[in-house]
Amino acid sequence: MSDLLDLPVTTLQGKATTFGDLTGGRAALVVNVASKCGLTPQYSKLEALHAELAGRGFTVLGFPCNQFGGQEPGTPEEIEQFCSATYGVTFPMTAKIDVNGADRDPVYAALTAVPDADGEAGDIQWNFEKFLVAPDGRVVGRFRPRTEPDAPEVRAAIESVL
Protein backbone atom coordinates (compact mmCIF):
# COMPACT_ATOMS: atom_id res chain seq x y z
CA MET A 1 0.00 0.00 0.00
CA SER A 2 3.00 2.34 -0.15
CA ASP A 3 1.39 3.81 -3.28
CA LEU A 4 -1.06 5.42 -0.84
CA LEU A 5 1.77 7.79 0.04
CA ASP A 6 1.93 8.99 -3.58
CA LEU A 7 -1.78 9.79 -3.96
CA PRO A 8 -2.67 13.45 -4.54
CA VAL A 9 -4.22 15.44 -1.71
CA THR A 10 -5.27 19.08 -1.48
CA THR A 11 -4.92 20.79 1.89
CA LEU A 12 -7.74 22.77 3.48
CA GLN A 13 -5.82 25.89 2.41
CA GLY A 14 -5.92 24.74 -1.25
CA LYS A 15 -2.30 23.55 -1.62
CA ALA A 16 -1.74 20.50 -3.84
CA THR A 17 0.45 17.85 -2.20
CA THR A 18 0.53 14.08 -1.64
CA PHE A 19 -0.68 11.91 1.20
CA GLY A 20 2.93 11.08 2.07
CA ASP A 21 4.02 14.70 2.15
CA LEU A 22 1.07 15.60 4.35
CA THR A 23 1.84 12.82 6.85
CA GLY A 24 5.54 13.65 6.69
CA GLY A 25 6.71 10.07 7.19
CA ARG A 26 4.71 9.71 10.40
CA ALA A 27 2.07 7.19 11.38
CA ALA A 28 -1.34 8.78 10.76
CA LEU A 29 -4.86 8.33 12.05
CA VAL A 30 -6.96 9.31 9.03
CA VAL A 31 -10.50 10.45 9.83
CA ASN A 32 -13.41 11.70 7.73
CA VAL A 33 -14.64 14.63 9.80
CA ALA A 34 -17.72 16.88 9.97
CA SER A 35 -18.49 20.00 11.98
CA LYS A 36 -22.21 19.48 12.62
CA CYS A 37 -22.38 15.82 13.65
CA GLY A 38 -23.24 14.18 16.94
CA LEU A 39 -19.73 12.68 16.82
CA THR A 40 -18.03 16.07 16.25
CA PRO A 41 -16.82 16.19 19.89
CA GLN A 42 -14.35 13.46 18.86
CA TYR A 43 -12.26 16.38 17.55
CA SER A 44 -11.16 16.98 21.16
CA LYS A 45 -9.78 13.46 21.56
CA LEU A 46 -8.24 13.52 18.08
CA GLU A 47 -6.41 16.76 18.91
CA ALA A 48 -5.30 15.35 22.29
CA LEU A 49 -3.84 12.25 20.58
CA HIS A 50 -2.12 14.42 17.99
CA ALA A 51 -0.60 16.69 20.64
CA GLU A 52 0.46 13.82 22.89
CA LEU A 53 2.07 11.64 20.21
CA ALA A 54 3.34 14.12 17.59
CA GLY A 55 6.83 14.01 19.07
CA ARG A 56 6.89 10.24 18.61
CA GLY A 57 6.14 10.31 14.88
CA PHE A 58 2.34 10.45 14.83
CA THR A 59 -0.26 12.74 13.30
CA VAL A 60 -3.99 12.89 12.86
CA LEU A 61 -5.17 13.77 9.35
CA GLY A 62 -8.70 15.10 8.89
CA PHE A 63 -10.65 14.77 5.64
CA PRO A 64 -13.82 16.92 5.80
CA CYS A 65 -16.79 15.26 4.11
CA ASN A 66 -20.37 16.43 3.56
CA GLN A 67 -21.83 13.08 2.42
CA PHE A 68 -23.53 12.13 5.68
CA GLY A 69 -26.59 14.22 6.45
CA GLY A 70 -24.99 17.39 5.01
CA GLN A 71 -23.05 17.74 8.27
CA GLU A 72 -20.01 19.51 6.77
CA PRO A 73 -21.59 22.31 4.71
CA GLY A 74 -18.95 24.99 5.33
CA THR A 75 -16.33 26.58 3.14
CA PRO A 76 -12.69 25.71 3.79
CA GLU A 77 -12.34 28.94 5.78
CA GLU A 78 -15.42 28.16 7.88
CA ILE A 79 -14.21 24.60 8.55
CA GLU A 80 -10.77 25.82 9.59
CA GLN A 81 -12.22 28.55 11.84
CA PHE A 82 -14.68 26.16 13.50
CA CYS A 83 -12.08 23.47 14.16
CA SER A 84 -9.52 25.91 15.49
CA ALA A 85 -11.85 28.02 17.63
CA THR A 86 -14.04 25.20 18.97
CA TYR A 87 -11.58 22.32 19.37
CA GLY A 88 -8.12 23.87 19.05
CA VAL A 89 -7.34 21.63 16.09
CA THR A 90 -3.71 21.84 14.95
CA PHE A 91 -3.46 18.61 12.94
CA PRO A 92 -3.49 18.77 9.11
CA MET A 93 -6.81 18.90 7.31
CA THR A 94 -7.58 18.44 3.63
CA ALA A 95 -10.04 20.03 1.29
CA LYS A 96 -13.56 18.60 1.49
CA ILE A 97 -13.86 15.27 -0.32
CA ASP A 98 -16.26 12.41 -1.05
CA VAL A 99 -15.41 9.19 0.78
CA ASN A 100 -18.03 7.01 -0.93
CA GLY A 101 -19.62 6.76 -4.37
CA ALA A 102 -18.54 7.55 -7.90
CA ASP A 103 -16.53 10.62 -6.86
CA ARG A 104 -14.73 8.86 -3.99
CA ASP A 105 -11.33 10.42 -3.37
CA PRO A 106 -8.42 8.13 -4.40
CA VAL A 107 -7.12 8.08 -0.81
CA TYR A 108 -10.46 6.73 0.37
CA ALA A 109 -10.61 4.24 -2.52
CA ALA A 110 -7.43 2.74 -1.05
CA LEU A 111 -8.55 3.00 2.58
CA THR A 112 -11.99 1.47 2.13
CA ALA A 113 -10.46 -1.67 0.61
CA VAL A 114 -9.15 -2.48 4.10
CA PRO A 115 -11.40 -4.48 6.44
CA ASP A 116 -12.18 -3.59 10.04
CA ALA A 117 -11.65 -5.98 12.99
CA ASP A 118 -14.81 -7.89 11.96
CA GLY A 119 -13.47 -8.42 8.43
CA GLU A 120 -15.78 -5.89 6.80
CA ALA A 121 -14.35 -3.63 4.10
CA GLY A 122 -16.20 -1.23 1.83
CA ASP A 123 -17.99 2.06 2.18
CA ILE A 124 -17.54 4.47 5.05
CA GLN A 125 -20.52 4.13 7.42
CA TRP A 126 -20.66 7.70 8.80
CA ASN A 127 -18.53 10.65 9.89
CA PHE A 128 -15.47 9.95 12.05
CA GLU A 129 -14.50 6.54 10.68
CA LYS A 130 -10.79 6.07 11.42
CA PHE A 131 -7.91 4.39 9.58
CA LEU A 132 -4.45 3.91 11.02
CA VAL A 133 -1.71 4.21 8.42
CA ALA A 134 1.86 3.15 9.24
CA PRO A 135 4.75 5.44 8.24
CA ASP A 136 5.43 3.18 5.21
CA GLY A 137 1.87 3.65 3.90
CA ARG A 138 0.41 0.33 5.06
CA VAL A 139 -3.14 0.59 6.39
CA VAL A 140 -2.93 -1.32 9.67
CA GLY A 141 -6.26 -0.58 11.33
CA ARG A 142 -9.83 0.48 10.65
CA PHE A 143 -12.13 1.72 13.38
CA ARG A 144 -15.81 2.52 12.90
CA PRO A 145 -17.29 5.95 13.71
CA ARG A 146 -18.47 5.29 17.26
CA THR A 147 -15.06 3.97 18.32
CA GLU A 148 -13.54 6.83 20.28
CA PRO A 149 -10.08 8.02 19.17
CA ASP A 150 -8.63 7.16 22.58
CA ALA A 151 -10.26 3.70 22.84
CA PRO A 152 -7.84 1.01 24.06
CA GLU A 153 -7.84 -0.79 20.71
CA VAL A 154 -7.01 2.44 18.83
CA ARG A 155 -4.25 3.34 21.29
CA ALA A 156 -2.76 -0.16 21.08
CA ALA A 157 -2.76 -0.04 17.28
CA ILE A 158 -1.09 3.39 17.29
CA GLU A 159 1.57 2.21 19.74
CA SER A 160 2.30 -0.77 17.48
CA VAL A 161 3.40 1.52 14.62
CA LEU A 162 5.32 4.15 16.57
C-alpha atoms as a PDB file:
ATOM      1  CA  MET A   1       0.000   0.000   0.000  1.00  0.00           C
ATOM      2  CA  SER A   2       3.003   2.336  -0.147  1.00  0.00           C
ATOM      3  CA  ASP A   3       1.393   3.814  -3.278  1.00  0.00           C
ATOM      4  CA  LEU A   4      -1.065   5.422  -0.837  1.00  0.00           C
ATOM      5  CA  LEU A   5       1.772   7.792   0.040  1.00  0.00           C
ATOM      6  CA  ASP A   6       1.928   8.988  -3.582  1.00  0.00           C
ATOM      7  CA  LEU A   7      -1.775   9.791  -3.962  1.00  0.00           C
ATOM      8  CA  PRO A   8      -2.670  13.448  -4.540  1.00  0.00           C
ATOM      9  CA  VAL A   9      -4.220  15.439  -1.707  1.00  0.00           C
ATOM     10  CA  THR A  10      -5.266  19.081  -1.475  1.00  0.00           C
ATOM     11  CA  THR A  11      -4.920  20.791   1.895  1.00  0.00           C
ATOM     12  CA  LEU A  12      -7.735  22.767   3.477  1.00  0.00           C
ATOM     13  CA  GLN A  13      -5.823  25.893   2.412  1.00  0.00           C
ATOM     14  CA  GLY A  14      -5.920  24.740  -1.247  1.00  0.00           C
ATOM     15  CA  LYS A  15      -2.298  23.549  -1.621  1.00  0.00           C
ATOM     16  CA  ALA A  16      -1.741  20.497  -3.844  1.00  0.00           C
ATOM     17  CA  THR A  17       0.450  17.845  -2.205  1.00  0.00           C
ATOM     18  CA  THR A  18       0.534  14.083  -1.638  1.00  0.00           C
ATOM     19  CA  PHE A  19      -0.681  11.914   1.200  1.00  0.00           C
ATOM     20  CA  GLY A  20       2.932  11.078   2.075  1.00  0.00           C
ATOM     21  CA  ASP A  21       4.018  14.704   2.146  1.00  0.00           C
ATOM     22  CA  LEU A  22       1.071  15.602   4.353  1.00  0.00           C
ATOM     23  CA  THR A  23       1.839  12.824   6.847  1.00  0.00           C
ATOM     24  CA  GLY A  24       5.542  13.652   6.695  1.00  0.00           C
ATOM     25  CA  GLY A  25       6.714  10.073   7.191  1.00  0.00           C
ATOM     26  CA  ARG A  26       4.715   9.710  10.403  1.00  0.00           C
ATOM     27  CA  ALA A  27       2.066   7.191  11.375  1.00  0.00           C
ATOM     28  CA  ALA A  28      -1.342   8.776  10.765  1.00  0.00           C
ATOM     29  CA  LEU A  29      -4.863   8.334  12.051  1.00  0.00           C
ATOM     30  CA  VAL A  30      -6.958   9.311   9.026  1.00  0.00           C
ATOM     31  CA  VAL A  31     -10.501  10.446   9.827  1.00  0.00           C
ATOM     32  CA  ASN A  32     -13.415  11.700   7.727  1.00  0.00           C
ATOM     33  CA  VAL A  33     -14.644  14.631   9.795  1.00  0.00           C
ATOM     34  CA  ALA A  34     -17.716  16.878   9.969  1.00  0.00           C
ATOM     35  CA  SER A  35     -18.488  19.999  11.979  1.00  0.00           C
ATOM     36  CA  LYS A  36     -22.205  19.478  12.619  1.00  0.00           C
ATOM     37  CA  CYS A  37     -22.377  15.820  13.646  1.00  0.00           C
ATOM     38  CA  GLY A  38     -23.236  14.177  16.943  1.00  0.00           C
ATOM     39  CA  LEU A  39     -19.730  12.683  16.822  1.00  0.00           C
ATOM     40  CA  THR A  40     -18.028  16.068  16.251  1.00  0.00           C
ATOM     41  CA  PRO A  41     -16.821  16.193  19.895  1.00  0.00           C
ATOM     42  CA  GLN A  42     -14.350  13.462  18.863  1.00  0.00           C
ATOM     43  CA  TYR A  43     -12.263  16.381  17.548  1.00  0.00           C
ATOM     44  CA  SER A  44     -11.161  16.977  21.165  1.00  0.00           C
ATOM     45  CA  LYS A  45      -9.780  13.463  21.555  1.00  0.00           C
ATOM     46  CA  LEU A  46      -8.239  13.521  18.078  1.00  0.00           C
ATOM     47  CA  GLU A  47      -6.405  16.756  18.908  1.00  0.00           C
ATOM     48  CA  ALA A  48      -5.298  15.353  22.287  1.00  0.00           C
ATOM     49  CA  LEU A  49      -3.839  12.255  20.580  1.00  0.00           C
ATOM     50  CA  HIS A  50      -2.119  14.423  17.992  1.00  0.00           C
ATOM     51  CA  ALA A  51      -0.602  16.689  20.637  1.00  0.00           C
ATOM     52  CA  GLU A  52       0.465  13.816  22.891  1.00  0.00           C
ATOM     53  CA  LEU A  53       2.066  11.641  20.210  1.00  0.00           C
ATOM     54  CA  ALA A  54       3.340  14.116  17.591  1.00  0.00           C
ATOM     55  CA  GLY A  55       6.833  14.014  19.067  1.00  0.00           C
ATOM     56  CA  ARG A  56       6.890  10.244  18.613  1.00  0.00           C
ATOM     57  CA  GLY A  57       6.144  10.308  14.882  1.00  0.00           C
ATOM     58  CA  PHE A  58       2.337  10.448  14.831  1.00  0.00           C
ATOM     59  CA  THR A  59      -0.260  12.739  13.299  1.00  0.00           C
ATOM     60  CA  VAL A  60      -3.993  12.891  12.856  1.00  0.00           C
ATOM     61  CA  LEU A  61      -5.166  13.767   9.349  1.00  0.00           C
ATOM     62  CA  GLY A  62      -8.704  15.096   8.891  1.00  0.00           C
ATOM     63  CA  PHE A  63     -10.653  14.769   5.643  1.00  0.00           C
ATOM     64  CA  PRO A  64     -13.815  16.917   5.804  1.00  0.00           C
ATOM     65  CA  CYS A  65     -16.788  15.261   4.112  1.00  0.00           C
ATOM     66  CA  ASN A  66     -20.370  16.429   3.559  1.00  0.00           C
ATOM     67  CA  GLN A  67     -21.826  13.079   2.416  1.00  0.00           C
ATOM     68  CA  PHE A  68     -23.531  12.127   5.679  1.00  0.00           C
ATOM     69  CA  GLY A  69     -26.588  14.223   6.447  1.00  0.00           C
ATOM     70  CA  GLY A  70     -24.985  17.392   5.012  1.00  0.00           C
ATOM     71  CA  GLN A  71     -23.050  17.743   8.274  1.00  0.00           C
ATOM     72  CA  GLU A  72     -20.009  19.513   6.774  1.00  0.00           C
ATOM     73  CA  PRO A  73     -21.590  22.307   4.709  1.00  0.00           C
ATOM     74  CA  GLY A  74     -18.955  24.994   5.333  1.00  0.00           C
ATOM     75  CA  THR A  75     -16.326  26.578   3.141  1.00  0.00           C
ATOM     76  CA  PRO A  76     -12.687  25.709   3.790  1.00  0.00           C
ATOM     77  CA  GLU A  77     -12.335  28.941   5.776  1.00  0.00           C
ATOM     78  CA  GLU A  78     -15.425  28.159   7.879  1.00  0.00           C
ATOM     79  CA  ILE A  79     -14.213  24.601   8.549  1.00  0.00           C
ATOM     80  CA  GLU A  80     -10.771  25.825   9.595  1.00  0.00           C
ATOM     81  CA  GLN A  81     -12.221  28.546  11.837  1.00  0.00           C
ATOM     82  CA  PHE A  82     -14.679  26.161  13.495  1.00  0.00           C
ATOM     83  CA  CYS A  83     -12.078  23.465  14.156  1.00  0.00           C
ATOM     84  CA  SER A  84      -9.517  25.914  15.488  1.00  0.00           C
ATOM     85  CA  ALA A  85     -11.850  28.018  17.635  1.00  0.00           C
ATOM     86  CA  THR A  86     -14.036  25.198  18.966  1.00  0.00           C
ATOM     87  CA  TYR A  87     -11.579  22.317  19.372  1.00  0.00           C
ATOM     88  CA  GLY A  88      -8.117  23.869  19.054  1.00  0.00           C
ATOM     89  CA  VAL A  89      -7.337  21.631  16.088  1.00  0.00           C
ATOM     90  CA  THR A  90      -3.712  21.844  14.947  1.00  0.00           C
ATOM     91  CA  PHE A  91      -3.461  18.611  12.939  1.00  0.00           C
ATOM     92  CA  PRO A  92      -3.487  18.765   9.115  1.00  0.00           C
ATOM     93  CA  MET A  93      -6.810  18.901   7.307  1.00  0.00           C
ATOM     94  CA  THR A  94      -7.584  18.444   3.632  1.00  0.00           C
ATOM     95  CA  ALA A  95     -10.041  20.026   1.286  1.00  0.00           C
ATOM     96  CA  LYS A  96     -13.563  18.604   1.492  1.00  0.00           C
ATOM     97  CA  ILE A  97     -13.858  15.268  -0.320  1.00  0.00           C
ATOM     98  CA  ASP A  98     -16.259  12.411  -1.055  1.00  0.00           C
ATOM     99  CA  VAL A  99     -15.406   9.191   0.777  1.00  0.00           C
ATOM    100  CA  ASN A 100     -18.034   7.007  -0.933  1.00  0.00           C
ATOM    101  CA  GLY A 101     -19.616   6.758  -4.368  1.00  0.00           C
ATOM    102  CA  ALA A 102     -18.537   7.552  -7.904  1.00  0.00           C
ATOM    103  CA  ASP A 103     -16.529  10.622  -6.858  1.00  0.00           C
ATOM    104  CA  ARG A 104     -14.729   8.861  -3.988  1.00  0.00           C
ATOM    105  CA  ASP A 105     -11.328  10.422  -3.366  1.00  0.00           C
ATOM    106  CA  PRO A 106      -8.417   8.130  -4.405  1.00  0.00           C
ATOM    107  CA  VAL A 107      -7.121   8.078  -0.810  1.00  0.00           C
ATOM    108  CA  TYR A 108     -10.463   6.730   0.367  1.00  0.00           C
ATOM    109  CA  ALA A 109     -10.607   4.241  -2.524  1.00  0.00           C
ATOM    110  CA  ALA A 110      -7.428   2.739  -1.054  1.00  0.00           C
ATOM    111  CA  LEU A 111      -8.548   3.000   2.577  1.00  0.00           C
ATOM    112  CA  THR A 112     -11.995   1.465   2.130  1.00  0.00           C
ATOM    113  CA  ALA A 113     -10.457  -1.672   0.608  1.00  0.00           C
ATOM    114  CA  VAL A 114      -9.150  -2.475   4.102  1.00  0.00           C
ATOM    115  CA  PRO A 115     -11.399  -4.481   6.445  1.00  0.00           C
ATOM    116  CA  ASP A 116     -12.178  -3.587  10.043  1.00  0.00           C
ATOM    117  CA  ALA A 117     -11.654  -5.979  12.987  1.00  0.00           C
ATOM    118  CA  ASP A 118     -14.807  -7.886  11.957  1.00  0.00           C
ATOM    119  CA  GLY A 119     -13.467  -8.423   8.432  1.00  0.00           C
ATOM    120  CA  GLU A 120     -15.783  -5.887   6.803  1.00  0.00           C
ATOM    121  CA  ALA A 121     -14.346  -3.632   4.098  1.00  0.00           C
ATOM    122  CA  GLY A 122     -16.201  -1.227   1.829  1.00  0.00           C
ATOM    123  CA  ASP A 123     -17.991   2.062   2.181  1.00  0.00           C
ATOM    124  CA  ILE A 124     -17.544   4.469   5.054  1.00  0.00           C
ATOM    125  CA  GLN A 125     -20.517   4.133   7.419  1.00  0.00           C
ATOM    126  CA  TRP A 126     -20.656   7.697   8.804  1.00  0.00           C
ATOM    127  CA  ASN A 127     -18.535  10.650   9.894  1.00  0.00           C
ATOM    128  CA  PHE A 128     -15.467   9.953  12.052  1.00  0.00           C
ATOM    129  CA  GLU A 129     -14.497   6.542  10.676  1.00  0.00           C
ATOM    130  CA  LYS A 130     -10.788   6.073  11.418  1.00  0.00           C
ATOM    131  CA  PHE A 131      -7.912   4.387   9.579  1.00  0.00           C
ATOM    132  CA  LEU A 132      -4.451   3.905  11.018  1.00  0.00           C
ATOM    133  CA  VAL A 133      -1.707   4.206   8.418  1.00  0.00           C
ATOM    134  CA  ALA A 134       1.862   3.152   9.243  1.00  0.00           C
ATOM    135  CA  PRO A 135       4.750   5.436   8.236  1.00  0.00           C
ATOM    136  CA  ASP A 136       5.426   3.183   5.207  1.00  0.00           C
ATOM    137  CA  GLY A 137       1.870   3.649   3.898  1.00  0.00           C
ATOM    138  CA  ARG A 138       0.406   0.327   5.063  1.00  0.00           C
ATOM    139  CA  VAL A 139      -3.142   0.593   6.393  1.00  0.00           C
ATOM    140  CA  VAL A 140      -2.928  -1.318   9.671  1.00  0.00           C
ATOM    141  CA  GLY A 141      -6.256  -0.578  11.331  1.00  0.00           C
ATOM    142  CA  ARG A 142      -9.825   0.482  10.653  1.00  0.00           C
ATOM    143  CA  PHE A 143     -12.135   1.722  13.379  1.00  0.00           C
ATOM    144  CA  ARG A 144     -15.812   2.515  12.896  1.00  0.00           C
ATOM    145  CA  PRO A 145     -17.292   5.946  13.711  1.00  0.00           C
ATOM    146  CA  ARG A 146     -18.470   5.286  17.260  1.00  0.00           C
ATOM    147  CA  THR A 147     -15.063   3.971  18.321  1.00  0.00           C
ATOM    148  CA  GLU A 148     -13.541   6.834  20.282  1.00  0.00           C
ATOM    149  CA  PRO A 149     -10.081   8.018  19.167  1.00  0.00           C
ATOM    150  CA  ASP A 150      -8.630   7.155  22.585  1.00  0.00           C
ATOM    151  CA  ALA A 151     -10.263   3.704  22.842  1.00  0.00           C
ATOM    152  CA  PRO A 152      -7.841   1.007  24.059  1.00  0.00           C
ATOM    153  CA  GLU A 153      -7.843  -0.789  20.706  1.00  0.00           C
ATOM    154  CA  VAL A 154      -7.009   2.436  18.834  1.00  0.00           C
ATOM    155  CA  ARG A 155      -4.253   3.340  21.287  1.00  0.00           C
ATOM    156  CA  ALA A 156      -2.759  -0.162  21.082  1.00  0.00           C
ATOM    157  CA  ALA A 157      -2.756  -0.043  17.275  1.00  0.00           C
ATOM    158  CA  ILE A 158      -1.087   3.391  17.292  1.00  0.00           C
ATOM    159  CA  GLU A 159       1.571   2.207  19.738  1.00  0.00           C
ATOM    160  CA  SER A 160       2.301  -0.770  17.478  1.00  0.00           C
ATOM    161  CA  VAL A 161       3.405   1.516  14.617  1.00  0.00           C
ATOM    162  CA  LEU A 162       5.318   4.155  16.574  1.00  0.00           C
END
